[in-house]
C-alpha atoms as a PDB file:
ATOM      1  CA  MET A   1      15.650  -6.977  -2.540  1.00  0.00           C
ATOM      2  CA  ARG A   2      15.585 -10.740  -3.190  1.00  0.00           C
ATOM      3  CA  GLN A   3      15.110 -11.378   0.521  1.00  0.00           C
ATOM      4  CA  LEU A   4      12.331  -8.790   0.633  1.00  0.00           C
ATOM      5  CA  LYS A   5      10.634 -10.511  -2.297  1.00  0.00           C
ATOM      6  CA  ALA A   6      11.019 -13.853  -0.532  1.00  0.00           C
ATOM      7  CA  GLU A   7       9.263 -12.465   2.551  1.00  0.00           C
ATOM      8  CA  PHE A   8       6.192 -11.588   0.504  1.00  0.00           C
ATOM      9  CA  TYR A   9       6.239 -15.051  -1.085  1.00  0.00           C
ATOM     10  CA  LYS A  10       6.245 -16.593   2.399  1.00  0.00           C
ATOM     11  CA  MET A  11       3.202 -14.575   3.455  1.00  0.00           C
ATOM     12  CA  ARG A  12       1.282 -15.145   0.226  1.00  0.00           C
ATOM     13  CA  HIS A  13      -0.879 -18.019   1.527  1.00  0.00           C
ATOM     14  CA  THR A  14      -1.227 -16.883   5.151  1.00  0.00           C
ATOM     15  CA  PHE A  15      -3.739 -14.723   7.006  1.00  0.00           C
ATOM     16  CA  LEU A  16      -1.278 -11.806   7.082  1.00  0.00           C
ATOM     17  CA  LEU A  17      -2.021 -10.337   3.660  1.00  0.00           C
ATOM     18  CA  PRO A  18      -5.863 -10.519   3.998  1.00  0.00           C
ATOM     19  CA  LEU A  19      -5.548  -9.091   7.521  1.00  0.00           C
ATOM     20  CA  HIS A  20      -3.895  -5.954   6.137  1.00  0.00           C
ATOM     21  CA  VAL A  21      -6.930  -5.450   3.885  1.00  0.00           C
ATOM     22  CA  ILE A  22      -9.795  -6.501   6.160  1.00  0.00           C
ATOM     23  CA  VAL A  23      -8.755  -4.536   9.271  1.00  0.00           C
ATOM     24  CA  PRO A  24      -8.237  -1.130   7.542  1.00  0.00           C
ATOM     25  CA  VAL A  25     -11.489  -1.412   5.579  1.00  0.00           C
ATOM     26  CA  ALA A  26     -13.422  -2.536   8.664  1.00  0.00           C
ATOM     27  CA  ALA A  27     -11.952   0.294  10.764  1.00  0.00           C
ATOM     28  CA  GLY A  28     -12.724   2.941   8.153  1.00  0.00           C
ATOM     29  CA  VAL A  29     -16.293   1.731   7.572  1.00  0.00           C
ATOM     30  CA  LEU A  30     -17.012   1.292  11.288  1.00  0.00           C
ATOM     31  CA  PHE A  31     -15.846   4.779  12.246  1.00  0.00           C
ATOM     32  CA  LEU A  32     -17.627   6.365   9.296  1.00  0.00           C
ATOM     33  CA  ALA A  33     -20.860   4.655  10.351  1.00  0.00           C
ATOM     34  CA  TRP A  34     -20.308   5.721  13.956  1.00  0.00           C
ATOM     35  CA  THR A  35     -19.691   9.316  12.868  1.00  0.00           C
ATOM     36  CA  ARG A  36     -22.849   9.334  10.767  1.00  0.00           C
ATOM     37  CA  ILE A  37     -24.966   7.923  13.600  1.00  0.00           C
ATOM     38  CA  SER A  38     -23.582   9.943  16.501  1.00  0.00           C
ATOM     39  CA  ALA A  39     -22.573  13.090  14.584  1.00  0.00           C
ATOM     40  CA  GLN A  40     -19.961  13.594  17.335  1.00  0.00           C
ATOM     41  CA  LEU A  41     -16.988  11.450  16.387  1.00  0.00           C
ATOM     42  CA  GLN A  42     -14.022  13.414  15.070  1.00  0.00           C
ATOM     43  CA  PHE A  43     -11.096  12.394  12.902  1.00  0.00           C
ATOM     44  CA  SER A  44      -8.771  12.804  15.885  1.00  0.00           C
ATOM     45  CA  VAL A  45     -10.701  10.078  17.735  1.00  0.00           C
ATOM     46  CA  PHE A  46     -10.290   7.758  14.762  1.00  0.00           C
ATOM     47  CA  VAL A  47      -6.538   8.430  14.722  1.00  0.00           C
ATOM     48  CA  GLN A  48      -6.244   7.885  18.464  1.00  0.00           C
ATOM     49  CA  ALA A  49      -8.114   4.573  18.260  1.00  0.00           C
ATOM     50  CA  VAL A  50      -5.850   3.317  15.480  1.00  0.00           C
ATOM     51  CA  GLY A  51      -2.727   4.408  17.358  1.00  0.00           C
ATOM     52  CA  VAL A  52      -3.852   2.789  20.610  1.00  0.00           C
ATOM     53  CA  VAL A  53      -4.533  -0.643  19.070  1.00  0.00           C
ATOM     54  CA  PHE A  54      -1.357  -0.559  16.955  1.00  0.00           C
ATOM     55  CA  PRO A  55       0.757  -2.439  19.567  1.00  0.00           C
ATOM     56  CA  VAL A  56      -1.679  -5.369  19.665  1.00  0.00           C
ATOM     57  CA  LEU A  57      -1.937  -5.496  15.869  1.00  0.00           C
ATOM     58  CA  ALA A  58       1.854  -5.374  15.573  1.00  0.00           C
ATOM     59  CA  SER A  59       2.163  -8.222  18.069  1.00  0.00           C
ATOM     60  CA  VAL A  60      -0.348 -10.442  16.247  1.00  0.00           C
ATOM     61  CA  ILE A  61       1.216  -9.740  12.846  1.00  0.00           C
ATOM     62  CA  CYS A  62       4.792 -10.315  14.041  1.00  0.00           C
ATOM     63  CA  ALA A  63       3.758 -13.522  15.822  1.00  0.00           C
ATOM     64  CA  GLY A  64       2.045 -14.803  12.690  1.00  0.00           C
ATOM     65  CA  ASN A  65       5.063 -13.926  10.571  1.00  0.00           C
ATOM     66  CA  MET A  66       7.534 -15.603  12.919  1.00  0.00           C
ATOM     67  CA  GLU A  67       5.412 -18.776  12.971  1.00  0.00           C
ATOM     68  CA  LEU A  68       6.528 -19.229   9.364  1.00  0.00           C
ATOM     69  CA  GLU A  69      10.128 -19.376  10.556  1.00  0.00           C
ATOM     70  CA  LEU A  70       9.527 -21.373  13.728  1.00  0.00           C
ATOM     71  CA  SER A  71       7.799 -24.128  11.763  1.00  0.00           C
ATOM     72  CA  GLY A  72      11.184 -24.772  10.136  1.00  0.00           C
ATOM     73  CA  HIS A  73      13.079 -24.319  13.422  1.00  0.00           C
ATOM     74  CA  LEU A  74      14.491 -21.031  12.117  1.00  0.00           C
ATOM     75  CA  GLN A  75      16.806 -22.847   9.705  1.00  0.00           C
ATOM     76  CA  GLY A  76      15.637 -20.995   6.603  1.00  0.00           C
ATOM     77  CA  PHE A  77      15.720 -17.736   8.535  1.00  0.00           C
ATOM     78  CA  LEU A  78      19.253 -18.046   9.884  1.00  0.00           C
ATOM     79  CA  MET A  79      20.970 -19.870   6.984  1.00  0.00           C
ATOM     80  CA  THR A  80      22.060 -17.003   4.765  1.00  0.00           C
ATOM     81  CA  THR A  81      25.212 -16.523   2.756  1.00  0.00           C
ATOM     82  CA  GLY A  82      25.227 -12.757   3.212  1.00  0.00           C
ATOM     83  CA  LYS A  83      25.091 -10.576   6.258  1.00  0.00           C
ATOM     84  CA  ARG A  84      22.641 -11.950   8.795  1.00  0.00           C
ATOM     85  CA  GLU A  85      21.221  -8.524   9.531  1.00  0.00           C
ATOM     86  CA  SER A  86      19.968  -8.191   5.947  1.00  0.00           C
ATOM     87  CA  ILE A  87      17.409 -10.984   6.306  1.00  0.00           C
ATOM     88  CA  PHE A  88      16.117  -9.457   9.545  1.00  0.00           C
ATOM     89  CA  LEU A  89      15.937  -6.054   7.841  1.00  0.00           C
ATOM     90  CA  ALA A  90      13.996  -7.587   4.939  1.00  0.00           C
ATOM     91  CA  LYS A  91      11.458  -9.119   7.325  1.00  0.00           C
ATOM     92  CA  TRP A  92      11.038  -5.816   9.167  1.00  0.00           C
ATOM     93  CA  MET A  93      10.715  -3.869   5.909  1.00  0.00           C
ATOM     94  CA  SER A  94       8.142  -6.272   4.467  1.00  0.00           C
ATOM     95  CA  LEU A  95       5.909  -5.860   7.505  1.00  0.00           C
ATOM     96  CA  GLU A  96       6.358  -2.089   7.500  1.00  0.00           C
ATOM     97  CA  ILE A  97       5.408  -1.876   3.818  1.00  0.00           C
ATOM     98  CA  LEU A  98       2.195  -3.758   4.568  1.00  0.00           C
ATOM     99  CA  ALA A  99       1.592  -1.561   7.620  1.00  0.00           C
ATOM    100  CA  PHE A 100       2.057   1.588   5.539  1.00  0.00           C
ATOM    101  CA  LEU A 101      -0.419   0.411   2.900  1.00  0.00           C
ATOM    102  CA  ALA A 102      -2.918  -0.622   5.568  1.00  0.00           C
ATOM    103  CA  VAL A 103      -2.708   2.634   7.550  1.00  0.00           C
ATOM    104  CA  MET A 104      -2.841   4.868   4.495  1.00  0.00           C
ATOM    105  CA  GLY A 105      -5.694   2.812   3.046  1.00  0.00           C
ATOM    106  CA  SER A 106      -7.710   3.162   6.236  1.00  0.00           C
ATOM    107  CA  VAL A 107      -7.054   6.905   6.539  1.00  0.00           C
ATOM    108  CA  ILE A 108      -7.811   7.557   2.871  1.00  0.00           C
ATOM    109  CA  LEU A 109     -11.018   5.521   3.115  1.00  0.00           C
ATOM    110  CA  TYR A 110     -12.080   7.564   6.137  1.00  0.00           C
ATOM    111  CA  GLY A 111     -11.113  10.827   4.430  1.00  0.00           C
ATOM    112  CA  VAL A 112     -12.999  10.035   1.229  1.00  0.00           C
ATOM    113  CA  GLY A 113     -16.029   8.870   3.192  1.00  0.00           C
ATOM    114  CA  ASN A 114     -15.862  11.947   5.394  1.00  0.00           C
ATOM    115  CA  ARG A 115     -16.108  14.153   2.299  1.00  0.00           C
ATOM    116  CA  THR A 116     -18.512  12.193   0.104  1.00  0.00           C
ATOM    117  CA  ILE A 117     -20.824  10.508   2.625  1.00  0.00           C
ATOM    118  CA  LEU A 118     -20.742  12.945   5.539  1.00  0.00           C
ATOM    119  CA  GLY A 119     -20.205  16.067   3.438  1.00  0.00           C
ATOM    120  CA  ASP A 120     -17.478  17.441   5.712  1.00  0.00           C
ATOM    121  CA  MET A 121     -15.183  19.587   3.580  1.00  0.00           C
ATOM    122  CA  GLU A 122     -13.487  21.483   6.424  1.00  0.00           C
ATOM    123  CA  ILE A 123     -10.463  19.190   6.786  1.00  0.00           C
ATOM    124  CA  PRO A 124      -7.963  19.442   3.899  1.00  0.00           C
ATOM    125  CA  PHE A 125      -7.218  16.021   2.442  1.00  0.00           C
ATOM    126  CA  SER A 126      -3.491  16.626   2.961  1.00  0.00           C
ATOM    127  CA  ILE A 127      -4.077  16.476   6.720  1.00  0.00           C
ATOM    128  CA  PHE A 128      -5.553  12.978   6.385  1.00  0.00           C
ATOM    129  CA  LEU A 129      -2.468  11.868   4.452  1.00  0.00           C
ATOM    130  CA  LYS A 130       0.015  13.457   6.871  1.00  0.00           C
ATOM    131  CA  ALA A 131      -1.809  11.959   9.857  1.00  0.00           C
ATOM    132  CA  GLY A 132      -1.535   8.544   8.212  1.00  0.00           C
ATOM    133  CA  VAL A 133       2.208   8.999   7.718  1.00  0.00           C
ATOM    134  CA  PHE A 134       2.678   9.990  11.379  1.00  0.00           C
ATOM    135  CA  LEU A 135       0.686   6.943  12.488  1.00  0.00           C
ATOM    136  CA  TRP A 136       2.891   4.705  10.394  1.00  0.00           C
ATOM    137  CA  LEU A 137       6.154   6.276  11.583  1.00  0.00           C
ATOM    138  CA  GLY A 138       5.150   5.466  15.148  1.00  0.00           C
ATOM    139  CA  SER A 139       4.856   1.792  14.189  1.00  0.00           C
ATOM    140  CA  LEU A 140       8.525   1.464  13.173  1.00  0.00           C
ATOM    141  CA  PRO A 141       9.853   0.633  16.659  1.00  0.00           C
ATOM    142  CA  LEU A 142       6.744  -1.408  17.530  1.00  0.00           C
ATOM    143  CA  TYR A 143       7.269  -3.981  14.801  1.00  0.00           C
ATOM    144  CA  LEU A 144      10.965  -4.244  15.596  1.00  0.00           C
ATOM    145  CA  GLU A 145      10.246  -4.729  19.309  1.00  0.00           C
ATOM    146  CA  HIS A 146       7.722  -7.493  18.689  1.00  0.00           C
ATOM    147  CA  LEU A 147       9.944  -9.256  16.180  1.00  0.00           C
ATOM    148  CA  PHE A 148      12.594  -9.271  18.910  1.00  0.00           C
ATOM    149  CA  LEU A 149      10.149 -10.583  21.529  1.00  0.00           C
ATOM    150  CA  ASN A 150       8.937 -13.374  19.246  1.00  0.00           C
ATOM    151  CA  LEU A 151      12.486 -14.402  18.401  1.00  0.00           C
ATOM    152  CA  CYS A 152      13.806 -14.189  21.934  1.00  0.00           C
ATOM    153  CA  PHE A 153      10.800 -15.484  23.898  1.00  0.00           C
ATOM    154  CA  SER A 154       7.416 -16.446  22.418  1.00  0.00           C
ATOM    155  CA  LYS A 155       4.227 -15.027  21.002  1.00  0.00           C
ATOM    156  CA  THR A 156       2.648 -15.220  24.480  1.00  0.00           C
ATOM    157  CA  VAL A 157       5.205 -12.782  25.858  1.00  0.00           C
ATOM    158  CA  SER A 158       4.791 -10.527  22.821  1.00  0.00           C
ATOM    159  CA  ILE A 159       1.010 -10.375  23.176  1.00  0.00           C
ATOM    160  CA  ALA A 160       1.242  -9.756  26.939  1.00  0.00           C
ATOM    161  CA  VAL A 161       3.652  -6.863  26.336  1.00  0.00           C
ATOM    162  CA  SER A 162       1.386  -5.461  23.611  1.00  0.00           C
ATOM    163  CA  ILE A 163      -1.564  -5.328  26.012  1.00  0.00           C
ATOM    164  CA  GLY A 164       0.543  -3.326  28.449  1.00  0.00           C
ATOM    165  CA  GLN A 165       1.608  -1.036  25.589  1.00  0.00           C
ATOM    166  CA  LEU A 166      -2.039  -0.559  24.616  1.00  0.00           C
ATOM    167  CA  LEU A 167      -2.873   0.588  28.153  1.00  0.00           C
ATOM    168  CA  ILE A 168       0.111   2.948  28.262  1.00  0.00           C
ATOM    169  CA  SER A 169      -0.785   4.372  24.866  1.00  0.00           C
ATOM    170  CA  ALA A 170      -4.362   5.020  25.978  1.00  0.00           C
ATOM    171  CA  LEU A 171      -3.323   6.588  29.292  1.00  0.00           C
ATOM    172  CA  PHE A 172      -0.767   8.837  27.631  1.00  0.00           C
ATOM    173  CA  LEU A 173      -3.491  10.435  25.535  1.00  0.00           C
ATOM    174  CA  THR A 174      -4.494  12.205  28.739  1.00  0.00           C
ATOM    175  CA  GLY A 175      -2.496  14.646  30.816  1.00  0.00           C
ATOM    176  CA  LEU A 176      -0.493  11.702  32.194  1.00  0.00           C
ATOM    177  CA  GLY A 177       1.467  11.648  28.953  1.00  0.00           C
ATOM    178  CA  GLN A 178       2.687  15.210  29.251  1.00  0.00           C
ATOM    179  CA  GLY A 179       6.487  15.205  29.241  1.00  0.00           C
ATOM    180  CA  LYS A 180       6.632  11.381  29.174  1.00  0.00           C
ATOM    181  CA  TRP A 181       5.161  10.175  25.882  1.00  0.00           C
ATOM    182  CA  GLN A 182       8.336  10.708  23.868  1.00  0.00           C
ATOM    183  CA  TYR A 183      10.157   8.124  26.039  1.00  0.00           C
ATOM    184  CA  PHE A 184       7.593   5.374  25.319  1.00  0.00           C
ATOM    185  CA  PRO A 185       7.639   4.246  21.655  1.00  0.00           C
ATOM    186  CA  CYS A 186       4.263   2.542  22.034  1.00  0.00           C
ATOM    187  CA  SER A 187       2.614   5.962  22.413  1.00  0.00           C
ATOM    188  CA  TRP A 188       4.279   7.649  19.448  1.00  0.00           C
ATOM    189  CA  SER A 189       1.538   6.749  16.953  1.00  0.00           C
ATOM    190  CA  SER A 190      -1.416   7.815  19.085  1.00  0.00           C
ATOM    191  CA  ARG A 191       0.021  10.727  21.059  1.00  0.00           C
ATOM    192  CA  GLY A 192       2.273  12.087  18.308  1.00  0.00           C
ATOM    193  CA  THR A 193      -0.448  12.118  15.667  1.00  0.00           C
ATOM    194  CA  SER A 194      -2.960  13.556  18.135  1.00  0.00           C
ATOM    195  CA  LEU A 195      -0.595  16.418  18.926  1.00  0.00           C
ATOM    196  CA  TYR A 196      -0.153  17.080  15.211  1.00  0.00           C
ATOM    197  CA  LEU A 197      -3.923  17.262  14.671  1.00  0.00           C
ATOM    198  CA  ALA A 198      -4.439  19.313  17.827  1.00  0.00           C
ATOM    199  CA  GLU A 199      -1.904  21.854  16.609  1.00  0.00           C
ATOM    200  CA  LYS A 200      -3.553  22.011  13.197  1.00  0.00           C
ATOM    201  CA  PHE A 201      -6.983  22.575  14.719  1.00  0.00           C
ATOM    202  CA  ASN A 202      -5.807  24.690  17.684  1.00  0.00           C
ATOM    203  CA  ARG A 203      -7.081  22.173  20.239  1.00  0.00           C
ATOM    204  CA  ARG A 204      -3.934  21.477  22.193  1.00  0.00           C
ATOM    205  CA  ALA A 205      -5.697  22.240  25.458  1.00  0.00           C
ATOM    206  CA  ALA A 206      -7.750  19.079  24.979  1.00  0.00           C
ATOM    207  CA  LEU A 207      -4.581  17.040  25.480  1.00  0.00           C
ATOM    208  CA  GLY A 208      -3.362  19.147  28.370  1.00  0.00           C
ATOM    209  CA  ALA A 209       0.042  19.367  26.744  1.00  0.00           C
ATOM    210  CA  ALA A 210       2.595  22.046  26.141  1.00  0.00           C
ATOM    211  CA  ASN A 211       3.790  22.753  22.637  1.00  0.00           C
ATOM    212  CA  THR A 212       5.784  19.976  21.067  1.00  0.00           C
ATOM    213  CA  ASP A 213       9.222  21.366  20.351  1.00  0.00           C
ATOM    214  CA  LEU A 214      12.210  20.143  18.392  1.00  0.00           C
ATOM    215  CA  ARG A 215      13.654  18.504  21.502  1.00  0.00           C
ATOM    216  CA  ASP A 216      10.710  16.074  21.723  1.00  0.00           C
ATOM    217  CA  ILE A 217      11.108  15.101  18.067  1.00  0.00           C
ATOM    218  CA  LEU A 218      14.863  14.628  18.437  1.00  0.00           C
ATOM    219  CA  THR A 219      14.269  12.513  21.549  1.00  0.00           C
ATOM    220  CA  CYS A 220      11.980  10.184  19.583  1.00  0.00           C
ATOM    221  CA  ILE A 221      14.462   9.931  16.712  1.00  0.00           C
ATOM    222  CA  LEU A 222      17.414   9.277  19.032  1.00  0.00           C
ATOM    223  CA  LEU A 223      15.560   6.728  21.141  1.00  0.00           C
ATOM    224  CA  GLY A 224      14.229   4.934  18.057  1.00  0.00           C
ATOM    225  CA  THR A 225      17.699   4.826  16.491  1.00  0.00           C
ATOM    226  CA  VAL A 226      19.301   3.444  19.660  1.00  0.00           C
ATOM    227  CA  LEU A 227      16.567   0.810  19.929  1.00  0.00           C
ATOM    228  CA  CYS A 228      17.118  -0.272  16.310  1.00  0.00           C
ATOM    229  CA  VAL A 229      20.888  -0.473  16.713  1.00  0.00           C
ATOM    230  CA  ILE A 230      20.626  -2.553  19.902  1.00  0.00           C
ATOM    231  CA  ILE A 231      18.198  -5.056  18.372  1.00  0.00           C
ATOM    232  CA  PHE A 232      20.236  -5.448  15.170  1.00  0.00           C
ATOM    233  CA  ILE A 233      23.435  -5.970  17.183  1.00  0.00           C
ATOM    234  CA  TRP A 234      21.596  -8.584  19.253  1.00  0.00           C
ATOM    235  CA  PHE A 235      20.409 -10.359  16.104  1.00  0.00           C
ATOM    236  CA  HIS A 236      23.958 -10.512  14.771  1.00  0.00           C
ATOM    237  CA  PHE A 237      24.751 -12.989  17.582  1.00  0.00           C
ATOM    238  CA  TYR A 238      21.330 -14.682  17.607  1.00  0.00           C
ATOM    239  CA  GLU A 239      21.443 -18.475  17.322  1.00  0.00           C
ATOM    240  CA  GLY A 240      17.763 -19.379  17.669  1.00  0.00           C
ATOM    241  CA  ARG A 241      15.740 -20.544  20.636  1.00  0.00           C
ATOM    242  CA  GLU A 242      14.011 -23.651  21.858  1.00  0.00           C
ATOM    243  CA  VAL A 243      10.590 -24.124  20.266  1.00  0.00           C
ATOM    244  CA  SER A 244       8.359 -25.752  22.887  1.00  0.00           C
ATOM    245  CA  GLU A 245       4.945 -24.162  22.461  1.00  0.00           C
END
């Protein structure tokens, strides 16, 4: 808990905290305005857009966070008297807490605006909240992956990978993702949440997908767990990298 508190102290005077406020508010307001003007935009499109851009946002946020450590040549990050994995876990948790607040804030803003401004009372507010939780759960492996890429390589590699993940996430919203999306963590936020909403609104045909069964969910959980274990084992033996950017 002390390490988690220290992570928030580190980010206090950086762009990371304002970014987690500005981006959700801007996204919610923009999509509400678009819905009001076009009268065609649906909540599922908003969710898909957020899920698709999540890899790039995760890359930028992780790169900005790791710059705090690289400026000190990783000495403050690696010099710990306890288990080394705990400081990495604290960094991951701090970013995920901010991501959760940002995602839920954006979804709640859209949901409130959808009811008060647009007068749409058809969607229960619980669906907005559950969709936000599913979006956030899909970000868990993304942040861990990009922390790994920034520690092992550089922010350039992380951003390049995130652009590829963005394209995969967008493509897997179509029929191309059928039977494949659960093996690509970058698509879990967009595709998984879209399938949840499609099932709630009986629009699964729009995604060209068969019913999501327990096997798909277990595949995501197993793959995410294996990914986490591998990265934490790697960090146990991590000794820093050359900083030459």
